[in-house]
Amino acid sequence: IMSDSSAASRTAESIFNLMLIPGMNETMAQNIFQSGFGSFQSVAQASVEDIMSIPGYDDPTKAEKLIGDA
């Protein structure tokens, strides 16, 4: 069980980590985080099909580019 402040801190840390991906903005990072990816490493290791479940990345070309950028 985590406190609200601890959970918020982990969320902010994860979103900051995702924003290290080139071309990433905070809104995109939040969408990726809410889809279950907590770091750019988890995005880099994901399959194209997994990435395509993220809103805005339903195109295989976009999904592949995100994986490559990560």
PDB file of N, CA and C in Angstrom:
ATOM      1  N   ILE A   1       0.857  -1.179   0.000  1.00  0.00           N
ATOM      2  CA  ILE A   1       0.000   0.000   0.000  1.00  0.00           C
ATOM      3  C   ILE A   1       0.896   1.232   0.000  1.00  0.00           C
ATOM      4  N   MET A   2       0.589   2.160  -0.918  1.00  0.00           N
ATOM      5  CA  MET A   2       1.367   3.393  -1.049  1.00  0.00           C
ATOM      6  C   MET A   2       0.531   4.583  -0.637  1.00  0.00           C
ATOM      7  N   SER A   3       1.172   5.576  -0.089  1.00  0.00           N
ATOM      8  CA  SER A   3       0.474   6.822   0.217  1.00  0.00           C
ATOM      9  C   SER A   3       0.206   7.568  -1.083  1.00  0.00           C
ATOM     10  N   ASP A   4      -0.737   8.490  -1.055  1.00  0.00           N
ATOM     11  CA  ASP A   4      -1.052   9.276  -2.244  1.00  0.00           C
ATOM     12  C   ASP A   4       0.160  10.050  -2.736  1.00  0.00           C
ATOM     13  N   SER A   5       0.933  10.616  -1.814  1.00  0.00           N
ATOM     14  CA  SER A   5       2.098  11.409  -2.222  1.00  0.00           C
ATOM     15  C   SER A   5       3.164  10.515  -2.849  1.00  0.00           C
ATOM     16  N   SER A   6       3.319   9.317  -2.340  1.00  0.00           N
ATOM     17  CA  SER A   6       4.289   8.374  -2.910  1.00  0.00           C
ATOM     18  C   SER A   6       3.851   7.940  -4.302  1.00  0.00           C
ATOM     19  N   ALA A   7       2.578   7.659  -4.471  1.00  0.00           N
ATOM     20  CA  ALA A   7       2.056   7.262  -5.783  1.00  0.00           C
ATOM     21  C   ALA A   7       2.198   8.409  -6.782  1.00  0.00           C
ATOM     22  N   ALA A   8       1.896   9.630  -6.345  1.00  0.00           N
ATOM     23  CA  ALA A   8       2.022  10.799  -7.220  1.00  0.00           C
ATOM     24  C   ALA A   8       3.473  11.012  -7.617  1.00  0.00           C
ATOM     25  N   SER A   9       4.383  10.792  -6.683  1.00  0.00           N
ATOM     26  CA  SER A   9       5.807  10.948  -6.957  1.00  0.00           C
ATOM     27  C   SER A   9       6.267   9.916  -7.995  1.00  0.00           C
ATOM     28  N   ARG A  10       5.831   8.675  -7.844  1.00  0.00           N
ATOM     29  CA  ARG A  10       6.196   7.630  -8.813  1.00  0.00           C
ATOM     30  C   ARG A  10       5.613   7.927 -10.189  1.00  0.00           C
ATOM     31  N   THR A  11       4.390   8.431 -10.224  1.00  0.00           N
ATOM     32  CA  THR A  11       3.760   8.786 -11.494  1.00  0.00           C
ATOM     33  C   THR A  11       4.559   9.893 -12.179  1.00  0.00           C
ATOM     34  N   ALA A  12       4.881  10.946 -11.446  1.00  0.00           N
ATOM     35  CA  ALA A  12       5.643  12.065 -12.006  1.00  0.00           C
ATOM     36  C   ALA A  12       7.008  11.600 -12.496  1.00  0.00           C
ATOM     37  N   GLU A  13       7.645  10.728 -11.735  1.00  0.00           N
ATOM     38  CA  GLU A  13       8.956  10.198 -12.120  1.00  0.00           C
ATOM     39  C   GLU A  13       8.853   9.383 -13.415  1.00  0.00           C
ATOM     40  N   SER A  14       7.818   8.579 -13.529  1.00  0.00           N
ATOM     41  CA  SER A  14       7.624   7.765 -14.731  1.00  0.00           C
ATOM     42  C   SER A  14       7.363   8.640 -15.945  1.00  0.00           C
ATOM     43  N   ILE A  15       6.525   9.655 -15.787  1.00  0.00           N
ATOM     44  CA  ILE A  15       6.221  10.551 -16.909  1.00  0.00           C
ATOM     45  C   ILE A  15       7.468  11.317 -17.321  1.00  0.00           C
ATOM     46  N   PHE A  16       8.253  11.776 -16.350  1.00  0.00           N
ATOM     47  CA  PHE A  16       9.519  12.450 -16.666  1.00  0.00           C
ATOM     48  C   PHE A  16      10.427  11.505 -17.462  1.00  0.00           C
ATOM     49  N   ASN A  17      10.514  10.249 -17.022  1.00  0.00           N
ATOM     50  CA  ASN A  17      11.342   9.257 -17.712  1.00  0.00           C
ATOM     51  C   ASN A  17      10.864   9.069 -19.152  1.00  0.00           C
ATOM     52  N   LEU A  18       9.565   8.969 -19.360  1.00  0.00           N
ATOM     53  CA  LEU A  18       9.027   8.789 -20.715  1.00  0.00           C
ATOM     54  C   LEU A  18       9.291  10.006 -21.589  1.00  0.00           C
ATOM     55  N   MET A  19       9.378  11.185 -20.982  1.00  0.00           N
ATOM     56  CA  MET A  19       9.632  12.404 -21.751  1.00  0.00           C
ATOM     57  C   MET A  19      11.073  12.480 -22.250  1.00  0.00           C
ATOM     58  N   LEU A  20      11.919  11.534 -21.848  1.00  0.00           N
ATOM     59  CA  LEU A  20      13.281  11.467 -22.389  1.00  0.00           C
ATOM     60  C   LEU A  20      13.289  10.929 -23.819  1.00  0.00           C
ATOM     61  N   ILE A  21      12.178  10.348 -24.254  1.00  0.00           N
ATOM     62  CA  ILE A  21      12.066   9.868 -25.637  1.00  0.00           C
ATOM     63  C   ILE A  21      12.001  11.106 -26.546  1.00  0.00           C
ATOM     64  N   PRO A  22      12.839  11.149 -27.589  1.00  0.00           N
ATOM     65  CA  PRO A  22      12.835  12.312 -28.490  1.00  0.00           C
ATOM     66  C   PRO A  22      11.440  12.598 -29.055  1.00  0.00           C
ATOM     67  N   GLY A  23      11.046  13.873 -29.043  1.00  0.00           N
ATOM     68  CA  GLY A  23       9.765  14.290 -29.603  1.00  0.00           C
ATOM     69  C   GLY A  23       8.576  14.089 -28.674  1.00  0.00           C
ATOM     70  N   MET A  24       8.821  13.620 -27.468  1.00  0.00           N
ATOM     71  CA  MET A  24       7.737  13.315 -26.518  1.00  0.00           C
ATOM     72  C   MET A  24       7.321  14.579 -25.780  1.00  0.00           C
ATOM     73  N   ASN A  25       6.007  14.777 -25.644  1.00  0.00           N
ATOM     74  CA  ASN A  25       5.525  15.862 -24.791  1.00  0.00           C
ATOM     75  C   ASN A  25       4.809  15.244 -23.585  1.00  0.00           C
ATOM     76  N   GLU A  26       4.419  16.075 -22.640  1.00  0.00           N
ATOM     77  CA  GLU A  26       3.857  15.559 -21.389  1.00  0.00           C
ATOM     78  C   GLU A  26       2.544  14.808 -21.607  1.00  0.00           C
ATOM     79  N   THR A  27       1.696  15.316 -22.499  1.00  0.00           N
ATOM     80  CA  THR A  27       0.415  14.655 -22.763  1.00  0.00           C
ATOM     81  C   THR A  27       0.633  13.264 -23.350  1.00  0.00           C
ATOM     82  N   MET A  28       1.547  13.161 -24.310  1.00  0.00           N
ATOM     83  CA  MET A  28       1.852  11.859 -24.909  1.00  0.00           C
ATOM     84  C   MET A  28       2.423  10.915 -23.856  1.00  0.00           C
ATOM     85  N   ALA A  29       3.306  11.431 -23.011  1.00  0.00           N
ATOM     86  CA  ALA A  29       3.908  10.611 -21.957  1.00  0.00           C
ATOM     87  C   ALA A  29       2.839  10.119 -20.980  1.00  0.00           C
ATOM     88  N   GLN A  30       1.871  10.971 -20.661  1.00  0.00           N
ATOM     89  CA  GLN A  30       0.788  10.557 -19.763  1.00  0.00           C
ATOM     90  C   GLN A  30      -0.036   9.438 -20.390  1.00  0.00           C
ATOM     91  N   ASN A  31      -0.332   9.552 -21.689  1.00  0.00           N
ATOM     92  CA  ASN A  31      -1.084   8.495 -22.383  1.00  0.00           C
ATOM     93  C   ASN A  31      -0.325   7.175 -22.338  1.00  0.00           C
ATOM     94  N   ILE A  32       0.968   7.242 -22.579  1.00  0.00           N
ATOM     95  CA  ILE A  32       1.799   6.030 -22.571  1.00  0.00           C
ATOM     96  C   ILE A  32       1.826   5.431 -21.166  1.00  0.00           C
ATOM     97  N   PHE A  33       1.995   6.283 -20.151  1.00  0.00           N
ATOM     98  CA  PHE A  33       2.017   5.815 -18.762  1.00  0.00           C
ATOM     99  C   PHE A  33       0.687   5.156 -18.397  1.00  0.00           C
ATOM    100  N   GLN A  34      -0.418   5.797 -18.773  1.00  0.00           N
ATOM    101  CA  GLN A  34      -1.741   5.262 -18.451  1.00  0.00           C
ATOM    102  C   GLN A  34      -2.024   3.958 -19.189  1.00  0.00           C
ATOM    103  N   SER A  35      -1.265   3.691 -20.241  1.00  0.00           N
ATOM    104  CA  SER A  35      -1.416   2.434 -20.982  1.00  0.00           C
ATOM    105  C   SER A  35      -0.537   1.329 -20.406  1.00  0.00           C
ATOM    106  N   GLY A  36       0.177   1.635 -19.319  1.00  0.00           N
ATOM    107  CA  GLY A  36       0.926   0.608 -18.614  1.00  0.00           C
ATOM    108  C   GLY A  36       2.432   0.615 -18.805  1.00  0.00           C
ATOM    109  N   PHE A  37       2.958   1.629 -19.466  1.00  0.00           N
ATOM    110  CA  PHE A  37       4.399   1.718 -19.685  1.00  0.00           C
ATOM    111  C   PHE A  37       4.973   2.774 -18.745  1.00  0.00           C
ATOM    112  N   GLY A  38       5.895   2.354 -17.874  1.00  0.00           N
ATOM    113  CA  GLY A  38       6.403   3.257 -16.849  1.00  0.00           C
ATOM    114  C   GLY A  38       7.766   3.845 -17.132  1.00  0.00           C
ATOM    115  N   SER A  39       8.382   3.456 -18.259  1.00  0.00           N
ATOM    116  CA  SER A  39       9.713   3.988 -18.572  1.00  0.00           C
ATOM    117  C   SER A  39       9.973   3.846 -20.066  1.00  0.00           C
ATOM    118  N   PHE A  40      10.970   4.606 -20.549  1.00  0.00           N
ATOM    119  CA  PHE A  40      11.299   4.470 -21.964  1.00  0.00           C
ATOM    120  C   PHE A  40      11.862   3.085 -22.249  1.00  0.00           C
ATOM    121  N   GLN A  41      12.471   2.448 -21.235  1.00  0.00           N
ATOM    122  CA  GLN A  41      12.989   1.095 -21.422  1.00  0.00           C
ATOM    123  C   GLN A  41      11.848   0.112 -21.688  1.00  0.00           C
ATOM    124  N   SER A  42      10.749   0.264 -20.965  1.00  0.00           N
ATOM    125  CA  SER A  42       9.615  -0.643 -21.175  1.00  0.00           C
ATOM    126  C   SER A  42       8.999  -0.427 -22.555  1.00  0.00           C
ATOM    127  N   VAL A  43       9.030   0.811 -23.047  1.00  0.00           N
ATOM    128  CA  VAL A  43       8.539   1.093 -24.406  1.00  0.00           C
ATOM    129  C   VAL A  43       9.481   0.457 -25.428  1.00  0.00           C
ATOM    130  N   ALA A  44      10.786   0.606 -25.207  1.00  0.00           N
ATOM    131  CA  ALA A  44      11.782   0.074 -26.149  1.00  0.00           C
ATOM    132  C   ALA A  44      11.695  -1.442 -26.269  1.00  0.00           C
ATOM    133  N   GLN A  45      11.287  -2.122 -25.206  1.00  0.00           N
ATOM    134  CA  GLN A  45      11.227  -3.583 -25.202  1.00  0.00           C
ATOM    135  C   GLN A  45       9.852  -4.125 -25.586  1.00  0.00           C
ATOM    136  N   ALA A  46       8.891  -3.243 -25.810  1.00  0.00           N
ATOM    137  CA  ALA A  46       7.523  -3.671 -26.110  1.00  0.00           C
ATOM    138  C   ALA A  46       7.392  -4.106 -27.566  1.00  0.00           C
ATOM    139  N   SER A  47       6.376  -4.898 -27.822  1.00  0.00           N
ATOM    140  CA  SER A  47       6.078  -5.296 -29.201  1.00  0.00           C
ATOM    141  C   SER A  47       5.271  -4.185 -29.871  1.00  0.00           C
ATOM    142  N   VAL A  48       5.269  -4.199 -31.191  1.00  0.00           N
ATOM    143  CA  VAL A  48       4.487  -3.219 -31.949  1.00  0.00           C
ATOM    144  C   VAL A  48       3.013  -3.331 -31.552  1.00  0.00           C
ATOM    145  N   GLU A  49       2.528  -4.553 -31.369  1.00  0.00           N
ATOM    146  CA  GLU A  49       1.124  -4.763 -31.000  1.00  0.00           C
ATOM    147  C   GLU A  49       0.805  -4.125 -29.647  1.00  0.00           C
ATOM    148  N   ASP A  50       1.739  -4.243 -28.682  1.00  0.00           N
ATOM    149  CA  ASP A  50       1.533  -3.621 -27.372  1.00  0.00           C
ATOM    150  C   ASP A  50       1.459  -2.101 -27.497  1.00  0.00           C
ATOM    151  N   ILE A  51       2.352  -1.533 -28.276  1.00  0.00           N
ATOM    152  CA  ILE A  51       2.381  -0.075 -28.450  1.00  0.00           C
ATOM    153  C   ILE A  51       1.120   0.402 -29.166  1.00  0.00           C
ATOM    154  N   MET A  52       0.604  -0.409 -30.074  1.00  0.00           N
ATOM    155  CA  MET A  52      -0.592  -0.016 -30.822  1.00  0.00           C
ATOM    156  C   MET A  52      -1.828   0.085 -29.929  1.00  0.00           C
ATOM    157  N   SER A  53      -1.747  -0.397 -28.694  1.00  0.00           N
ATOM    158  CA  SER A  53      -2.871  -0.256 -27.758  1.00  0.00           C
ATOM    159  C   SER A  53      -2.898   1.141 -27.122  1.00  0.00           C
ATOM    160  N   ILE A  54      -1.842   1.923 -27.322  1.00  0.00           N
ATOM    161  CA  ILE A  54      -1.765   3.281 -26.770  1.00  0.00           C
ATOM    162  C   ILE A  54      -2.513   4.231 -27.708  1.00  0.00           C
ATOM    163  N   PRO A  55      -3.424   5.064 -27.172  1.00  0.00           N
ATOM    164  CA  PRO A  55      -4.118   6.028 -28.024  1.00  0.00           C
ATOM    165  C   PRO A  55      -3.122   6.894 -28.806  1.00  0.00           C
ATOM    166  N   GLY A  56      -3.347   6.996 -30.111  1.00  0.00           N
ATOM    167  CA  GLY A  56      -2.479   7.802 -30.964  1.00  0.00           C
ATOM    168  C   GLY A  56      -1.365   7.006 -31.630  1.00  0.00           C
ATOM    169  N   TYR A  57      -1.191   5.759 -31.237  1.00  0.00           N
ATOM    170  CA  TYR A  57      -0.136   4.916 -31.813  1.00  0.00           C
ATOM    171  C   TYR A  57      -0.726   3.663 -32.444  1.00  0.00           C
ATOM    172  N   ASP A  58      -1.970   3.770 -32.967  1.00  0.00           N
ATOM    173  CA  ASP A  58      -2.642   2.615 -33.544  1.00  0.00           C
ATOM    174  C   ASP A  58      -2.136   2.266 -34.948  1.00  0.00           C
ATOM    175  N   ASP A  59      -1.262   3.084 -35.488  1.00  0.00           N
ATOM    176  CA  ASP A  59      -0.642   2.826 -36.786  1.00  0.00           C
ATOM    177  C   ASP A  59       0.685   2.101 -36.544  1.00  0.00           C
ATOM    178  N   PRO A  60       0.915   0.956 -37.218  1.00  0.00           N
ATOM    179  CA  PRO A  60       2.170   0.212 -36.985  1.00  0.00           C
ATOM    180  C   PRO A  60       3.426   1.054 -37.218  1.00  0.00           C
ATOM    181  N   THR A  61       3.391   1.959 -38.187  1.00  0.00           N
ATOM    182  CA  THR A  61       4.552   2.806 -38.468  1.00  0.00           C
ATOM    183  C   THR A  61       4.843   3.729 -37.283  1.00  0.00           C
ATOM    184  N   LYS A  62       3.796   4.320 -36.706  1.00  0.00           N
ATOM    185  CA  LYS A  62       3.972   5.189 -35.526  1.00  0.00           C
ATOM    186  C   LYS A  62       4.475   4.378 -34.342  1.00  0.00           C
ATOM    187  N   ALA A  63       3.927   3.184 -34.175  1.00  0.00           N
ATOM    188  CA  ALA A  63       4.328   2.322 -33.070  1.00  0.00           C
ATOM    189  C   ALA A  63       5.808   1.947 -33.199  1.00  0.00           C
ATOM    190  N   GLU A  64       6.238   1.569 -34.409  1.00  0.00           N
ATOM    191  CA  GLU A  64       7.637   1.212 -34.646  1.00  0.00           C
ATOM    192  C   GLU A  64       8.560   2.394 -34.397  1.00  0.00           C
ATOM    193  N   LYS A  65       8.123   3.589 -34.811  1.00  0.00           N
ATOM    194  CA  LYS A  65       8.945   4.788 -34.598  1.00  0.00           C
ATOM    195  C   LYS A  65       9.108   5.063 -33.104  1.00  0.00           C
ATOM    196  N   LEU A  66       8.017   4.927 -32.332  1.00  0.00           N
ATOM    197  CA  LEU A  66       8.110   5.148 -30.892  1.00  0.00           C
ATOM    198  C   LEU A  66       9.082   4.158 -30.256  1.00  0.00           C
ATOM    199  N   ILE A  67       8.985   2.903 -30.632  1.00  0.00           N
ATOM    200  CA  ILE A  67       9.899   1.889 -30.096  1.00  0.00           C
ATOM    201  C   ILE A  67      11.346   2.234 -30.457  1.00  0.00           C
ATOM    202  N   GLY A  68      11.554   2.611 -31.704  1.00  0.00           N
ATOM    203  CA  GLY A  68      12.891   2.980 -32.163  1.00  0.00           C
ATOM    204  C   GLY A  68      13.444   4.209 -31.443  1.00  0.00           C
ATOM    205  N   ASP A  69      12.593   5.205 -31.226  1.00  0.00           N
ATOM    206  CA  ASP A  69      13.013   6.424 -30.523  1.00  0.00           C
ATOM    207  C   ASP A  69      13.369   6.124 -29.072  1.00  0.00           C
ATOM    208  N   ALA A  70      12.603   5.200 -28.481  1.00  0.00           N
ATOM    209  CA  ALA A  70      12.860   4.848 -27.072  1.00  0.00           C
ATOM    210  C   ALA A  70      14.171   4.099 -26.957  1.00  0.00           C
TER     211      ALA A  70
END
